[in-house]
Amino acid sequence: MSTTKILPEQETTPRTSHGDGDHERFAHYADKHKITESMVTGTPIRALCGKVWVPSRDPKKYPVCPECKEIYQGLPSGGGDGGGDKQ
């Protein structure tokens, strides 16, 4: 006769960032309308560099992500309806 063990429930938090954590030290560029929506709804968004997060802090307190900045500078100027912003 064998017995079945029940493991205790564990909370799991989805990993919304990748890499070595450097992404947490920067303000990132993303569509400003999506940033606003994300701050209201709590829905994660994706920055130009690929980081996925829920904006919640003052981006002026952090340096701009070098990868986001490089991508943003390579985009054609004007013509976009969303525009870029940082968080």
PDB file of N, CA and C in Angstrom:
ATOM      1  N   MET A   1       0.849  -1.164   0.000  1.00  0.00           N
ATOM      2  CA  MET A   1       0.000   0.000   0.000  1.00  0.00           C
ATOM      3  C   MET A   1       0.902   1.237   0.000  1.00  0.00           C
ATOM      4  N   SER A   2       0.629   2.184  -0.880  1.00  0.00           N
ATOM      5  CA  SER A   2       1.425   3.405  -0.933  1.00  0.00           C
ATOM      6  C   SER A   2       0.589   4.601  -0.477  1.00  0.00           C
ATOM      7  N   THR A   3       1.266   5.607  -0.020  1.00  0.00           N
ATOM      8  CA  THR A   3       0.573   6.810   0.427  1.00  0.00           C
ATOM      9  C   THR A   3       0.946   7.973  -0.484  1.00  0.00           C
ATOM     10  N   THR A   4       0.040   8.896  -0.586  1.00  0.00           N
ATOM     11  CA  THR A   4       0.274  10.084  -1.401  1.00  0.00           C
ATOM     12  C   THR A   4       0.494  11.269  -0.484  1.00  0.00           C
ATOM     13  N   LYS A   5       1.573  11.976  -0.721  1.00  0.00           N
ATOM     14  CA  LYS A   5       1.860  13.160   0.072  1.00  0.00           C
ATOM     15  C   LYS A   5       1.314  14.388  -0.647  1.00  0.00           C
ATOM     16  N   ILE A   6       0.739  15.255   0.122  1.00  0.00           N
ATOM     17  CA  ILE A   6       0.243  16.512  -0.433  1.00  0.00           C
ATOM     18  C   ILE A   6       1.216  17.604  -0.037  1.00  0.00           C
ATOM     19  N   LEU A   7       1.755  18.282  -1.050  1.00  0.00           N
ATOM     20  CA  LEU A   7       2.693  19.357  -0.790  1.00  0.00           C
ATOM     21  C   LEU A   7       1.937  20.616  -0.373  1.00  0.00           C
ATOM     22  N   PRO A   8       2.517  21.415   0.497  1.00  0.00           N
ATOM     23  CA  PRO A   8       1.849  22.655   0.896  1.00  0.00           C
ATOM     24  C   PRO A   8       1.734  23.606  -0.301  1.00  0.00           C
ATOM     25  N   GLU A   9       0.666  24.391  -0.304  1.00  0.00           N
ATOM     26  CA  GLU A   9       0.477  25.345  -1.393  1.00  0.00           C
ATOM     27  C   GLU A   9       1.577  26.387  -1.352  1.00  0.00           C
ATOM     28  N   GLN A  10       2.012  26.787  -2.530  1.00  0.00           N
ATOM     29  CA  GLN A  10       3.040  27.801  -2.632  1.00  0.00           C
ATOM     30  C   GLN A  10       2.550  28.902  -3.556  1.00  0.00           C
ATOM     31  N   GLU A  11       2.852  30.119  -3.159  1.00  0.00           N
ATOM     32  CA  GLU A  11       2.518  31.224  -4.042  1.00  0.00           C
ATOM     33  C   GLU A  11       3.589  31.319  -5.105  1.00  0.00           C
ATOM     34  N   THR A  12       3.171  31.518  -6.320  1.00  0.00           N
ATOM     35  CA  THR A  12       4.128  31.721  -7.391  1.00  0.00           C
ATOM     36  C   THR A  12       3.901  33.097  -7.978  1.00  0.00           C
ATOM     37  N   THR A  13       4.972  33.776  -8.219  1.00  0.00           N
ATOM     38  CA  THR A  13       4.911  35.097  -8.814  1.00  0.00           C
ATOM     39  C   THR A  13       5.467  34.998 -10.214  1.00  0.00           C
ATOM     40  N   PRO A  14       4.708  35.445 -11.222  1.00  0.00           N
ATOM     41  CA  PRO A  14       5.236  35.362 -12.576  1.00  0.00           C
ATOM     42  C   PRO A  14       6.476  36.231 -12.719  1.00  0.00           C
ATOM     43  N   ARG A  15       7.421  35.743 -13.457  1.00  0.00           N
ATOM     44  CA  ARG A  15       8.648  36.488 -13.668  1.00  0.00           C
ATOM     45  C   ARG A  15       8.401  37.474 -14.798  1.00  0.00           C
ATOM     46  N   THR A  16       8.370  38.762 -14.464  1.00  0.00           N
ATOM     47  CA  THR A  16       8.057  39.770 -15.469  1.00  0.00           C
ATOM     48  C   THR A  16       9.293  40.515 -15.941  1.00  0.00           C
ATOM     49  N   SER A  17      10.454  40.000 -15.603  1.00  0.00           N
ATOM     50  CA  SER A  17      11.695  40.598 -16.049  1.00  0.00           C
ATOM     51  C   SER A  17      12.618  39.470 -16.467  1.00  0.00           C
ATOM     52  N   HIS A  18      13.656  39.801 -17.174  1.00  0.00           N
ATOM     53  CA  HIS A  18      14.608  38.774 -17.572  1.00  0.00           C
ATOM     54  C   HIS A  18      16.024  39.310 -17.395  1.00  0.00           C
ATOM     55  N   GLY A  19      16.973  38.449 -17.508  1.00  0.00           N
ATOM     56  CA  GLY A  19      18.348  38.880 -17.417  1.00  0.00           C
ATOM     57  C   GLY A  19      18.849  38.921 -15.992  1.00  0.00           C
ATOM     58  N   ASP A  20      19.855  39.768 -15.799  1.00  0.00           N
ATOM     59  CA  ASP A  20      20.537  39.800 -14.514  1.00  0.00           C
ATOM     60  C   ASP A  20      20.008  40.843 -13.546  1.00  0.00           C
ATOM     61  N   GLY A  21      18.891  41.471 -13.855  1.00  0.00           N
ATOM     62  CA  GLY A  21      18.316  42.448 -12.940  1.00  0.00           C
ATOM     63  C   GLY A  21      18.661  43.882 -13.277  1.00  0.00           C
ATOM     64  N   ASP A  22      19.530  44.115 -14.255  1.00  0.00           N
ATOM     65  CA  ASP A  22      19.885  45.477 -14.625  1.00  0.00           C
ATOM     66  C   ASP A  22      18.675  46.273 -15.097  1.00  0.00           C
ATOM     67  N   HIS A  23      17.676  45.596 -15.650  1.00  0.00           N
ATOM     68  CA  HIS A  23      16.493  46.284 -16.145  1.00  0.00           C
ATOM     69  C   HIS A  23      15.782  47.050 -15.036  1.00  0.00           C
ATOM     70  N   GLU A  24      15.934  46.602 -13.796  1.00  0.00           N
ATOM     71  CA  GLU A  24      15.252  47.241 -12.675  1.00  0.00           C
ATOM     72  C   GLU A  24      15.900  48.573 -12.295  1.00  0.00           C
ATOM     73  N   ARG A  25      17.072  48.827 -12.794  1.00  0.00           N
ATOM     74  CA  ARG A  25      17.807  50.042 -12.433  1.00  0.00           C
ATOM     75  C   ARG A  25      17.563  51.192 -13.398  1.00  0.00           C
ATOM     76  N   PHE A  26      16.765  50.975 -14.424  1.00  0.00           N
ATOM     77  CA  PHE A  26      16.585  51.963 -15.481  1.00  0.00           C
ATOM     78  C   PHE A  26      15.127  52.351 -15.672  1.00  0.00           C
ATOM     79  N   ALA A  27      14.945  53.527 -16.274  1.00  0.00           N
ATOM     80  CA  ALA A  27      13.637  53.930 -16.795  1.00  0.00           C
ATOM     81  C   ALA A  27      13.598  53.425 -18.235  1.00  0.00           C
ATOM     82  N   HIS A  28      12.468  52.891 -18.645  1.00  0.00           N
ATOM     83  CA  HIS A  28      12.357  52.282 -19.969  1.00  0.00           C
ATOM     84  C   HIS A  28      11.393  53.042 -20.860  1.00  0.00           C
ATOM     85  N   TYR A  29      11.628  52.958 -22.169  1.00  0.00           N
ATOM     86  CA  TYR A  29      10.737  53.565 -23.145  1.00  0.00           C
ATOM     87  C   TYR A  29       9.649  52.575 -23.544  1.00  0.00           C
ATOM     88  N   ALA A  30       8.418  53.086 -23.608  1.00  0.00           N
ATOM     89  CA  ALA A  30       7.264  52.317 -24.082  1.00  0.00           C
ATOM     90  C   ALA A  30       6.222  53.320 -24.564  1.00  0.00           C
ATOM     91  N   ASP A  31       5.197  52.839 -25.225  1.00  0.00           N
ATOM     92  CA  ASP A  31       4.112  53.700 -25.692  1.00  0.00           C
ATOM     93  C   ASP A  31       3.457  54.393 -24.498  1.00  0.00           C
ATOM     94  N   LYS A  32       3.368  55.730 -24.550  1.00  0.00           N
ATOM     95  CA  LYS A  32       2.874  56.471 -23.389  1.00  0.00           C
ATOM     96  C   LYS A  32       1.430  56.126 -23.047  1.00  0.00           C
ATOM     97  N   HIS A  33       0.615  55.791 -24.040  1.00  0.00           N
ATOM     98  CA  HIS A  33      -0.771  55.412 -23.761  1.00  0.00           C
ATOM     99  C   HIS A  33      -0.826  54.065 -23.025  1.00  0.00           C
ATOM    100  N   LYS A  34       0.072  53.163 -23.411  1.00  0.00           N
ATOM    101  CA  LYS A  34       0.121  51.862 -22.738  1.00  0.00           C
ATOM    102  C   LYS A  34       0.647  52.000 -21.321  1.00  0.00           C
ATOM    103  N   ILE A  35       1.589  52.936 -21.109  1.00  0.00           N
ATOM    104  CA  ILE A  35       2.109  53.165 -19.760  1.00  0.00           C
ATOM    105  C   ILE A  35       0.975  53.616 -18.847  1.00  0.00           C
ATOM    106  N   THR A  36       0.206  54.593 -19.323  1.00  0.00           N
ATOM    107  CA  THR A  36      -0.915  55.111 -18.527  1.00  0.00           C
ATOM    108  C   THR A  36      -1.932  54.014 -18.242  1.00  0.00           C
ATOM    109  N   GLU A  37      -2.298  53.262 -19.264  1.00  0.00           N
ATOM    110  CA  GLU A  37      -3.268  52.176 -19.092  1.00  0.00           C
ATOM    111  C   GLU A  37      -2.743  51.139 -18.097  1.00  0.00           C
ATOM    112  N   SER A  38      -1.469  50.805 -18.211  1.00  0.00           N
ATOM    113  CA  SER A  38      -0.876  49.815 -17.329  1.00  0.00           C
ATOM    114  C   SER A  38      -0.862  50.279 -15.877  1.00  0.00           C
ATOM    115  N   MET A  39      -0.597  51.564 -15.673  1.00  0.00           N
ATOM    116  CA  MET A  39      -0.582  52.094 -14.308  1.00  0.00           C
ATOM    117  C   MET A  39      -1.972  52.035 -13.685  1.00  0.00           C
ATOM    118  N   VAL A  40      -3.004  52.174 -14.519  1.00  0.00           N
ATOM    119  CA  VAL A  40      -4.386  52.140 -14.021  1.00  0.00           C
ATOM    120  C   VAL A  40      -4.862  50.700 -13.815  1.00  0.00           C
ATOM    121  N   THR A  41      -4.594  49.842 -14.797  1.00  0.00           N
ATOM    122  CA  THR A  41      -5.138  48.488 -14.769  1.00  0.00           C
ATOM    123  C   THR A  41      -4.219  47.454 -14.117  1.00  0.00           C
ATOM    124  N   GLY A  42      -2.923  47.757 -14.064  1.00  0.00           N
ATOM    125  CA  GLY A  42      -1.977  46.786 -13.512  1.00  0.00           C
ATOM    126  C   GLY A  42      -1.554  45.732 -14.512  1.00  0.00           C
ATOM    127  N   THR A  43      -1.880  45.940 -15.776  1.00  0.00           N
ATOM    128  CA  THR A  43      -1.517  44.994 -16.830  1.00  0.00           C
ATOM    129  C   THR A  43      -0.073  45.245 -17.265  1.00  0.00           C
ATOM    130  N   PRO A  44       0.765  44.222 -17.307  1.00  0.00           N
ATOM    131  CA  PRO A  44       2.157  44.407 -17.726  1.00  0.00           C
ATOM    132  C   PRO A  44       2.260  44.879 -19.180  1.00  0.00           C
ATOM    133  N   ILE A  45       3.291  45.674 -19.460  1.00  0.00           N
ATOM    134  CA  ILE A  45       3.575  46.131 -20.817  1.00  0.00           C
ATOM    135  C   ILE A  45       5.010  45.774 -21.161  1.00  0.00           C
ATOM    136  N   ARG A  46       5.361  45.937 -22.438  1.00  0.00           N
ATOM    137  CA  ARG A  46       6.707  45.604 -22.901  1.00  0.00           C
ATOM    138  C   ARG A  46       7.422  46.887 -23.336  1.00  0.00           C
ATOM    139  N   ALA A  47       8.620  47.093 -22.808  1.00  0.00           N
ATOM    140  CA  ALA A  47       9.456  48.228 -23.193  1.00  0.00           C
ATOM    141  C   ALA A  47      10.109  47.934 -24.544  1.00  0.00           C
ATOM    142  N   LEU A  48      10.713  48.950 -25.139  1.00  0.00           N
ATOM    143  CA  LEU A  48      11.390  48.760 -26.423  1.00  0.00           C
ATOM    144  C   LEU A  48      12.480  47.702 -26.335  1.00  0.00           C
ATOM    145  N   CYS A  49      13.133  47.599 -25.174  1.00  0.00           N
ATOM    146  CA  CYS A  49      14.223  46.634 -24.998  1.00  0.00           C
ATOM    147  C   CYS A  49      13.719  45.218 -24.742  1.00  0.00           C
ATOM    148  N   GLY A  50      12.409  45.073 -24.534  1.00  0.00           N
ATOM    149  CA  GLY A  50      11.848  43.749 -24.296  1.00  0.00           C
ATOM    150  C   GLY A  50      11.456  43.482 -22.857  1.00  0.00           C
ATOM    151  N   LYS A  51      11.834  44.354 -21.946  1.00  0.00           N
ATOM    152  CA  LYS A  51      11.472  44.159 -20.536  1.00  0.00           C
ATOM    153  C   LYS A  51       9.955  44.237 -20.390  1.00  0.00           C
ATOM    154  N   VAL A  52       9.397  43.313 -19.639  1.00  0.00           N
ATOM    155  CA  VAL A  52       7.959  43.297 -19.361  1.00  0.00           C
ATOM    156  C   VAL A  52       7.781  43.659 -17.891  1.00  0.00           C
ATOM    157  N   TRP A  53       6.959  44.682 -17.630  1.00  0.00           N
ATOM    158  CA  TRP A  53       6.765  45.136 -16.257  1.00  0.00           C
ATOM    159  C   TRP A  53       5.502  45.973 -16.144  1.00  0.00           C
ATOM    160  N   VAL A  54       5.127  46.247 -14.896  1.00  0.00           N
ATOM    161  CA  VAL A  54       3.995  47.136 -14.622  1.00  0.00           C
ATOM    162  C   VAL A  54       4.593  48.431 -14.084  1.00  0.00           C
ATOM    163  N   PRO A  55       4.469  49.535 -14.818  1.00  0.00           N
ATOM    164  CA  PRO A  55       5.033  50.806 -14.366  1.00  0.00           C
ATOM    165  C   PRO A  55       4.419  51.243 -13.037  1.00  0.00           C
ATOM    166  N   SER A  56       5.289  51.686 -12.122  1.00  0.00           N
ATOM    167  CA  SER A  56       4.769  52.101 -10.822  1.00  0.00           C
ATOM    168  C   SER A  56       5.674  53.114 -10.121  1.00  0.00           C
ATOM    169  N   ARG A  57       6.701  53.579 -10.768  1.00  0.00           N
ATOM    170  CA  ARG A  57       7.644  54.477 -10.101  1.00  0.00           C
ATOM    171  C   ARG A  57       7.930  55.699 -10.965  1.00  0.00           C
ATOM    172  N   ASP A  58       8.566  56.694 -10.375  1.00  0.00           N
ATOM    173  CA  ASP A  58       8.898  57.926 -11.074  1.00  0.00           C
ATOM    174  C   ASP A  58      10.123  57.691 -11.958  1.00  0.00           C
ATOM    175  N   PRO A  59       9.958  57.720 -13.288  1.00  0.00           N
ATOM    176  CA  PRO A  59      11.078  57.427 -14.174  1.00  0.00           C
ATOM    177  C   PRO A  59      12.181  58.485 -14.117  1.00  0.00           C
ATOM    178  N   LYS A  60      11.873  59.672 -13.620  1.00  0.00           N
ATOM    179  CA  LYS A  60      12.867  60.742 -13.556  1.00  0.00           C
ATOM    180  C   LYS A  60      13.965  60.442 -12.530  1.00  0.00           C
ATOM    181  N   LYS A  61      13.717  59.478 -11.668  1.00  0.00           N
ATOM    182  CA  LYS A  61      14.692  59.121 -10.634  1.00  0.00           C
ATOM    183  C   LYS A  61      15.709  58.084 -11.115  1.00  0.00           C
ATOM    184  N   TYR A  62      15.568  57.625 -12.366  1.00  0.00           N
ATOM    185  CA  TYR A  62      16.421  56.561 -12.877  1.00  0.00           C
ATOM    186  C   TYR A  62      17.007  56.957 -14.229  1.00  0.00           C
ATOM    187  N   PRO A  63      18.197  56.468 -14.550  1.00  0.00           N
ATOM    188  CA  PRO A  63      18.742  56.730 -15.888  1.00  0.00           C
ATOM    189  C   PRO A  63      17.960  55.932 -16.928  1.00  0.00           C
ATOM    190  N   VAL A  64      17.966  56.418 -18.157  1.00  0.00           N
ATOM    191  CA  VAL A  64      17.257  55.732 -19.245  1.00  0.00           C
ATOM    192  C   VAL A  64      18.022  54.470 -19.619  1.00  0.00           C
ATOM    193  N   CYS A  65      17.264  53.408 -19.840  1.00  0.00           N
ATOM    194  CA  CYS A  65      17.834  52.130 -20.272  1.00  0.00           C
ATOM    195  C   CYS A  65      18.622  52.363 -21.569  1.00  0.00           C
ATOM    196  N   PRO A  66      19.917  52.006 -21.602  1.00  0.00           N
ATOM    197  CA  PRO A  66      20.706  52.246 -22.813  1.00  0.00           C
ATOM    198  C   PRO A  66      20.161  51.517 -24.041  1.00  0.00           C
ATOM    199  N   GLU A  67      19.615  50.338 -23.843  1.00  0.00           N
ATOM    200  CA  GLU A  67      19.075  49.573 -24.964  1.00  0.00           C
ATOM    201  C   GLU A  67      17.810  50.244 -25.506  1.00  0.00           C
ATOM    202  N   CYS A  68      16.922  50.689 -24.617  1.00  0.00           N
ATOM    203  CA  CYS A  68      15.712  51.409 -25.040  1.00  0.00           C
ATOM    204  C   CYS A  68      16.094  52.689 -25.777  1.00  0.00           C
ATOM    205  N   LYS A  69      17.066  53.412 -25.232  1.00  0.00           N
ATOM    206  CA  LYS A  69      17.488  54.683 -25.817  1.00  0.00           C
ATOM    207  C   LYS A  69      18.029  54.479 -27.224  1.00  0.00           C
ATOM    208  N   GLU A  70      18.840  53.443 -27.407  1.00  0.00           N
ATOM    209  CA  GLU A  70      19.408  53.151 -28.723  1.00  0.00           C
ATOM    210  C   GLU A  70      18.305  52.806 -29.725  1.00  0.00           C
ATOM    211  N   ILE A  71      17.354  51.990 -29.309  1.00  0.00           N
ATOM    212  CA  ILE A  71      16.240  51.609 -30.193  1.00  0.00           C
ATOM    213  C   ILE A  71      15.396  52.823 -30.515  1.00  0.00           C
ATOM    214  N   TYR A  72      15.088  53.643 -29.499  1.00  0.00           N
ATOM    215  CA  TYR A  72      14.253  54.830 -29.689  1.00  0.00           C
ATOM    216  C   TYR A  72      14.902  55.812 -30.669  1.00  0.00           C
ATOM    217  N   GLN A  73      16.212  56.010 -30.543  1.00  0.00           N
ATOM    218  CA  GLN A  73      16.920  56.929 -31.432  1.00  0.00           C
ATOM    219  C   GLN A  73      16.964  56.415 -32.865  1.00  0.00           C
ATOM    220  N   GLY A  74      16.830  55.107 -33.051  1.00  0.00           N
ATOM    221  CA  GLY A  74      16.827  54.521 -34.384  1.00  0.00           C
ATOM    222  C   GLY A  74      15.473  54.540 -35.060  1.00  0.00           C
ATOM    223  N   LEU A  75      14.428  54.902 -34.312  1.00  0.00           N
ATOM    224  CA  LEU A  75      13.078  54.959 -34.888  1.00  0.00           C
ATOM    225  C   LEU A  75      12.914  56.218 -35.720  1.00  0.00           C
ATOM    226  N   PRO A  76      12.079  56.159 -36.763  1.00  0.00           N
ATOM    227  CA  PRO A  76      11.821  57.380 -37.546  1.00  0.00           C
ATOM    228  C   PRO A  76      11.101  58.413 -36.676  1.00  0.00           C
ATOM    229  N   SER A  77      11.442  59.679 -36.851  1.00  0.00           N
ATOM    230  CA  SER A  77      10.821  60.732 -36.042  1.00  0.00           C
ATOM    231  C   SER A  77       9.437  61.077 -36.561  1.00  0.00           C
ATOM    232  N   GLY A  78       8.542  61.441 -35.607  1.00  0.00           N
ATOM    233  CA  GLY A  78       7.181  61.855 -35.965  1.00  0.00           C
ATOM    234  C   GLY A  78       6.370  60.736 -36.562  1.00  0.00           C
ATOM    235  N   GLY A  79       5.151  61.031 -36.905  1.00  0.00           N
ATOM    236  CA  GLY A  79       4.305  60.082 -37.603  1.00  0.00           C
ATOM    237  C   GLY A  79       3.654  59.023 -36.736  1.00  0.00           C
ATOM    238  N   GLY A  80       4.169  58.799 -35.541  1.00  0.00           N
ATOM    239  CA  GLY A  80       3.582  57.779 -34.681  1.00  0.00           C
ATOM    240  C   GLY A  80       2.448  58.350 -33.863  1.00  0.00           C
ATOM    241  N   ASP A  81       1.406  57.548 -33.642  1.00  0.00           N
ATOM    242  CA  ASP A  81       0.265  58.054 -32.875  1.00  0.00           C
ATOM    243  C   ASP A  81       0.473  57.886 -31.382  1.00  0.00           C
ATOM    244  N   GLY A  82       1.283  56.911 -30.975  1.00  0.00           N
ATOM    245  CA  GLY A  82       1.455  56.653 -29.551  1.00  0.00           C
ATOM    246  C   GLY A  82       2.596  57.425 -28.935  1.00  0.00           C
ATOM    247  N   GLY A  83       3.648  57.607 -29.711  1.00  0.00           N
ATOM    248  CA  GLY A  83       4.812  58.292 -29.179  1.00  0.00           C
ATOM    249  C   GLY A  83       5.508  57.432 -28.145  1.00  0.00           C
ATOM    250  N   GLY A  84       6.714  57.766 -27.857  1.00  0.00           N
ATOM    251  CA  GLY A  84       7.468  57.028 -26.848  1.00  0.00           C
ATOM    252  C   GLY A  84       7.525  57.834 -25.570  1.00  0.00           C
ATOM    253  N   ASP A  85       7.584  57.168 -24.489  1.00  0.00           N
ATOM    254  CA  ASP A  85       7.730  57.811 -23.198  1.00  0.00           C
ATOM    255  C   ASP A  85       8.515  56.852 -22.334  1.00  0.00           C
ATOM    256  N   LYS A  86       8.961  57.322 -21.197  1.00  0.00           N
ATOM    257  CA  LYS A  86       9.717  56.420 -20.339  1.00  0.00           C
ATOM    258  C   LYS A  86       9.053  56.253 -19.014  1.00  0.00           C
ATOM    259  N   GLN A  87       9.281  55.120 -18.409  1.00  0.00           N
ATOM    260  CA  GLN A  87       8.764  54.796 -17.065  1.00  0.00           C
ATOM    261  C   GLN A  87       9.807  53.972 -16.372  1.00  0.00           C
TER     262      GLN A  87
END
